[in-house]
Amino acid sequence: VGWLSPNFLAQAILNGLDKLISTIPVARTIYSSIKDLIKAFGMGEEKGSSFRQVVLVEYPRMGMFTVGFATNDLSVSDRSGTNAMTSVYIPNPPNPTSGVLVLVPAETVQTLDMTVEEGLKLVLSGGIVSSGTLSTK
């Protein structure tokens, strides 16, 4: 009972704040985005990241590579036909919420042999936390 009471009270307070914030237009949008990002990083109550794999993509220009996180596979149709693309989220250290989403041709995406957690450590540390070698699968 001693453990349950504080957790129940804290949950009730958080639910009340959640409802309050959802009534304020601008705050609702920001709060919702932050909640979604926390879920994506797997830091919320619902563990399990939306990031499927740590990948290496040629970005922002030819010959320069960036570590990112594959989030989805898409088909992009234009006048020349349909192309298989991978959506890759590239967080900006030290604030990963200011990252960028890029669509990359699926055949150019290189999957790295590391966990999402290891990839986050690598990116958010600015490359300091690293084994010294990046291997593709």
C-alpha atoms as a PDB file:
ATOM      1  CA  VAL A   1       0.000   0.000   0.000  1.00  0.00           C
ATOM      2  CA  GLY A   2       2.874   2.371   0.807  1.00  0.00           C
ATOM      3  CA  TRP A   3       4.327   1.933  -2.676  1.00  0.00           C
ATOM      4  CA  LEU A   4       0.966   2.125  -4.444  1.00  0.00           C
ATOM      5  CA  SER A   5      -0.287   5.344  -2.811  1.00  0.00           C
ATOM      6  CA  PRO A   6       2.456   7.735  -3.974  1.00  0.00           C
ATOM      7  CA  ASN A   7       2.457   6.251  -7.487  1.00  0.00           C
ATOM      8  CA  PHE A   8      -1.321   6.547  -7.762  1.00  0.00           C
ATOM      9  CA  LEU A   9      -1.208  10.164  -6.540  1.00  0.00           C
ATOM     10  CA  ALA A  10       1.621  11.071  -8.917  1.00  0.00           C
ATOM     11  CA  GLN A  11      -0.215   9.441 -11.826  1.00  0.00           C
ATOM     12  CA  ALA A  12      -3.397  11.364 -10.983  1.00  0.00           C
ATOM     13  CA  ILE A  13      -1.452  14.653 -10.895  1.00  0.00           C
ATOM     14  CA  LEU A  14       0.244  13.894 -14.228  1.00  0.00           C
ATOM     15  CA  ASN A  15      -3.079  12.986 -15.830  1.00  0.00           C
ATOM     16  CA  GLY A  16      -4.555  16.278 -14.580  1.00  0.00           C
ATOM     17  CA  LEU A  17      -1.627  18.266 -16.000  1.00  0.00           C
ATOM     18  CA  ASP A  18      -1.954  16.363 -19.274  1.00  0.00           C
ATOM     19  CA  LYS A  19      -5.620  17.340 -19.553  1.00  0.00           C
ATOM     20  CA  LEU A  20      -4.867  20.971 -18.614  1.00  0.00           C
ATOM     21  CA  ILE A  21      -2.096  21.340 -21.197  1.00  0.00           C
ATOM     22  CA  SER A  22      -4.276  19.756 -23.883  1.00  0.00           C
ATOM     23  CA  THR A  23      -6.702  22.696 -23.547  1.00  0.00           C
ATOM     24  CA  ILE A  24      -4.067  25.336 -24.414  1.00  0.00           C
ATOM     25  CA  PRO A  25      -3.654  25.528 -28.233  1.00  0.00           C
ATOM     26  CA  VAL A  26       0.090  26.263 -28.661  1.00  0.00           C
ATOM     27  CA  ALA A  27       1.139  24.368 -25.539  1.00  0.00           C
ATOM     28  CA  ARG A  28      -0.908  21.366 -26.706  1.00  0.00           C
ATOM     29  CA  THR A  29       1.035  21.179 -29.977  1.00  0.00           C
ATOM     30  CA  ILE A  30       4.449  21.492 -28.322  1.00  0.00           C
ATOM     31  CA  TYR A  31       3.557  19.088 -25.507  1.00  0.00           C
ATOM     32  CA  SER A  32       2.171  16.523 -27.953  1.00  0.00           C
ATOM     33  CA  SER A  33       5.338  16.707 -30.075  1.00  0.00           C
ATOM     34  CA  ILE A  34       7.571  16.223 -27.047  1.00  0.00           C
ATOM     35  CA  LYS A  35       5.497  13.253 -25.847  1.00  0.00           C
ATOM     36  CA  ASP A  36       5.736  11.649 -29.288  1.00  0.00           C
ATOM     37  CA  LEU A  37       9.499  12.178 -29.377  1.00  0.00           C
ATOM     38  CA  ILE A  38       9.891  10.619 -25.932  1.00  0.00           C
ATOM     39  CA  LYS A  39       7.946   7.590 -27.154  1.00  0.00           C
ATOM     40  CA  ALA A  40      10.105   7.450 -30.290  1.00  0.00           C
ATOM     41  CA  PHE A  41      13.289   7.401 -28.230  1.00  0.00           C
ATOM     42  CA  GLY A  42      11.775   4.668 -26.053  1.00  0.00           C
ATOM     43  CA  MET A  43      12.083   6.716 -22.874  1.00  0.00           C
ATOM     44  CA  GLY A  44       8.418   6.710 -21.856  1.00  0.00           C
ATOM     45  CA  GLU A  45       6.273   4.147 -20.076  1.00  0.00           C
ATOM     46  CA  GLU A  46       5.748   2.323 -23.367  1.00  0.00           C
ATOM     47  CA  LYS A  47       9.282   1.076 -23.916  1.00  0.00           C
ATOM     48  CA  GLY A  48      10.170   0.223 -27.471  1.00  0.00           C
ATOM     49  CA  SER A  49      11.711   2.640 -29.887  1.00  0.00           C
ATOM     50  CA  SER A  50      10.211   3.781 -33.177  1.00  0.00           C
ATOM     51  CA  PHE A  51      13.770   3.768 -34.470  1.00  0.00           C
ATOM     52  CA  ARG A  52      14.199   0.437 -36.233  1.00  0.00           C
ATOM     53  CA  GLN A  53      17.897   0.523 -37.043  1.00  0.00           C
ATOM     54  CA  VAL A  54      20.987   2.664 -36.839  1.00  0.00           C
ATOM     55  CA  VAL A  55      21.988   3.601 -40.374  1.00  0.00           C
ATOM     56  CA  LEU A  56      24.661   5.461 -42.288  1.00  0.00           C
ATOM     57  CA  VAL A  57      23.468   7.774 -45.064  1.00  0.00           C
ATOM     58  CA  GLU A  58      25.261  10.058 -47.489  1.00  0.00           C
ATOM     59  CA  TYR A  59      24.081  13.415 -46.145  1.00  0.00           C
ATOM     60  CA  PRO A  60      24.208  16.451 -46.361  1.00  0.00           C
ATOM     61  CA  ARG A  61      26.288  16.099 -49.538  1.00  0.00           C
ATOM     62  CA  MET A  62      28.054  13.467 -51.638  1.00  0.00           C
ATOM     63  CA  GLY A  63      31.089  12.035 -49.882  1.00  0.00           C
ATOM     64  CA  MET A  64      29.901  13.041 -46.389  1.00  0.00           C
ATOM     65  CA  PHE A  65      28.150  10.451 -44.214  1.00  0.00           C
ATOM     66  CA  THR A  66      25.780  10.871 -41.271  1.00  0.00           C
ATOM     67  CA  VAL A  67      24.567   8.426 -38.630  1.00  0.00           C
ATOM     68  CA  GLY A  68      20.789   8.369 -38.342  1.00  0.00           C
ATOM     69  CA  PHE A  69      17.868   6.165 -37.380  1.00  0.00           C
ATOM     70  CA  ALA A  70      15.666   4.401 -39.928  1.00  0.00           C
ATOM     71  CA  THR A  71      12.028   4.968 -39.023  1.00  0.00           C
ATOM     72  CA  ASN A  72       9.987   3.777 -42.007  1.00  0.00           C
ATOM     73  CA  ASP A  73      10.047   2.499 -45.585  1.00  0.00           C
ATOM     74  CA  LEU A  74       8.078   4.492 -48.159  1.00  0.00           C
ATOM     75  CA  SER A  75       7.241   4.469 -51.836  1.00  0.00           C
ATOM     76  CA  VAL A  76       7.578   7.872 -53.469  1.00  0.00           C
ATOM     77  CA  SER A  77       5.840   8.286 -56.824  1.00  0.00           C
ATOM     78  CA  ASP A  78       6.695  11.021 -59.298  1.00  0.00           C
ATOM     79  CA  ARG A  79       6.757  11.451 -63.077  1.00  0.00           C
ATOM     80  CA  SER A  80       9.728   9.126 -63.456  1.00  0.00           C
ATOM     81  CA  GLY A  81       8.029   6.287 -61.549  1.00  0.00           C
ATOM     82  CA  THR A  82       7.946   4.885 -58.033  1.00  0.00           C
ATOM     83  CA  ASN A  83      11.055   4.845 -55.868  1.00  0.00           C
ATOM     84  CA  ALA A  84      11.664   2.864 -52.671  1.00  0.00           C
ATOM     85  CA  MET A  85      12.766   5.295 -49.970  1.00  0.00           C
ATOM     86  CA  THR A  86      13.704   5.029 -46.308  1.00  0.00           C
ATOM     87  CA  SER A  87      12.825   7.797 -43.882  1.00  0.00           C
ATOM     88  CA  VAL A  88      15.807   8.520 -41.644  1.00  0.00           C
ATOM     89  CA  TYR A  89      15.701  10.718 -38.549  1.00  0.00           C
ATOM     90  CA  ILE A  90      18.989  12.524 -37.908  1.00  0.00           C
ATOM     91  CA  PRO A  91      19.144  14.033 -34.401  1.00  0.00           C
ATOM     92  CA  ASN A  92      21.297  17.099 -33.765  1.00  0.00           C
ATOM     93  CA  PRO A  93      23.481  16.886 -30.656  1.00  0.00           C
ATOM     94  CA  PRO A  94      23.178  17.928 -27.917  1.00  0.00           C
ATOM     95  CA  ASN A  95      19.423  18.461 -28.435  1.00  0.00           C
ATOM     96  CA  PRO A  96      17.971  15.513 -30.366  1.00  0.00           C
ATOM     97  CA  THR A  97      14.568  17.196 -30.658  1.00  0.00           C
ATOM     98  CA  SER A  98      16.019  19.588 -33.238  1.00  0.00           C
ATOM     99  CA  GLY A  99      16.824  16.801 -35.675  1.00  0.00           C
ATOM    100  CA  VAL A 100      15.917  16.509 -39.329  1.00  0.00           C
ATOM    101  CA  LEU A 101      13.971  13.893 -41.275  1.00  0.00           C
ATOM    102  CA  VAL A 102      15.409  12.931 -44.650  1.00  0.00           C
ATOM    103  CA  LEU A 103      14.082  10.551 -47.291  1.00  0.00           C
ATOM    104  CA  VAL A 104      16.901   8.510 -48.750  1.00  0.00           C
ATOM    105  CA  PRO A 105      16.811   6.001 -51.623  1.00  0.00           C
ATOM    106  CA  ALA A 106      16.512   2.635 -49.852  1.00  0.00           C
ATOM    107  CA  GLU A 107      19.373   1.059 -51.812  1.00  0.00           C
ATOM    108  CA  THR A 108      21.835   3.687 -50.526  1.00  0.00           C
ATOM    109  CA  VAL A 109      21.080   3.175 -46.810  1.00  0.00           C
ATOM    110  CA  GLN A 110      23.790   1.237 -44.959  1.00  0.00           C
ATOM    111  CA  THR A 111      22.624  -0.513 -41.774  1.00  0.00           C
ATOM    112  CA  LEU A 112      25.171  -0.288 -38.959  1.00  0.00           C
ATOM    113  CA  ASP A 113      25.917  -3.221 -36.667  1.00  0.00           C
ATOM    114  CA  MET A 114      24.881  -1.545 -33.406  1.00  0.00           C
ATOM    115  CA  THR A 115      21.812  -1.212 -31.226  1.00  0.00           C
ATOM    116  CA  VAL A 116      19.629   1.893 -31.253  1.00  0.00           C
ATOM    117  CA  GLU A 117      20.895   2.683 -27.740  1.00  0.00           C
ATOM    118  CA  GLU A 118      24.518   2.506 -28.910  1.00  0.00           C
ATOM    119  CA  GLY A 119      23.627   4.704 -31.886  1.00  0.00           C
ATOM    120  CA  LEU A 120      22.023   7.318 -29.636  1.00  0.00           C
ATOM    121  CA  LYS A 121      25.103   7.354 -27.400  1.00  0.00           C
ATOM    122  CA  LEU A 122      27.338   7.793 -30.443  1.00  0.00           C
ATOM    123  CA  VAL A 123      25.304  10.648 -31.920  1.00  0.00           C
ATOM    124  CA  LEU A 124      24.481  12.510 -28.700  1.00  0.00           C
ATOM    125  CA  SER A 125      28.084  12.344 -27.475  1.00  0.00           C
ATOM    126  CA  GLY A 126      29.260  13.918 -30.714  1.00  0.00           C
ATOM    127  CA  GLY A 127      31.168  10.742 -31.568  1.00  0.00           C
ATOM    128  CA  ILE A 128      33.131  10.689 -28.309  1.00  0.00           C
ATOM    129  CA  VAL A 129      31.450   7.491 -27.094  1.00  0.00           C
ATOM    130  CA  SER A 130      32.517   5.133 -29.854  1.00  0.00           C
ATOM    131  CA  SER A 131      34.282   1.815 -30.363  1.00  0.00           C
ATOM    132  CA  GLY A 132      36.422   3.481 -33.028  1.00  0.00           C
ATOM    133  CA  THR A 133      34.988   1.319 -35.816  1.00  0.00           C
ATOM    134  CA  LEU A 134      31.581   1.437 -37.492  1.00  0.00           C
ATOM    135  CA  SER A 135      30.663  -1.855 -39.130  1.00  0.00           C
ATOM    136  CA  THR A 136      27.792  -2.388 -41.525  1.00  0.00           C
ATOM    137  CA  LYS A 137      25.596  -5.478 -41.392  1.00  0.00           C
END
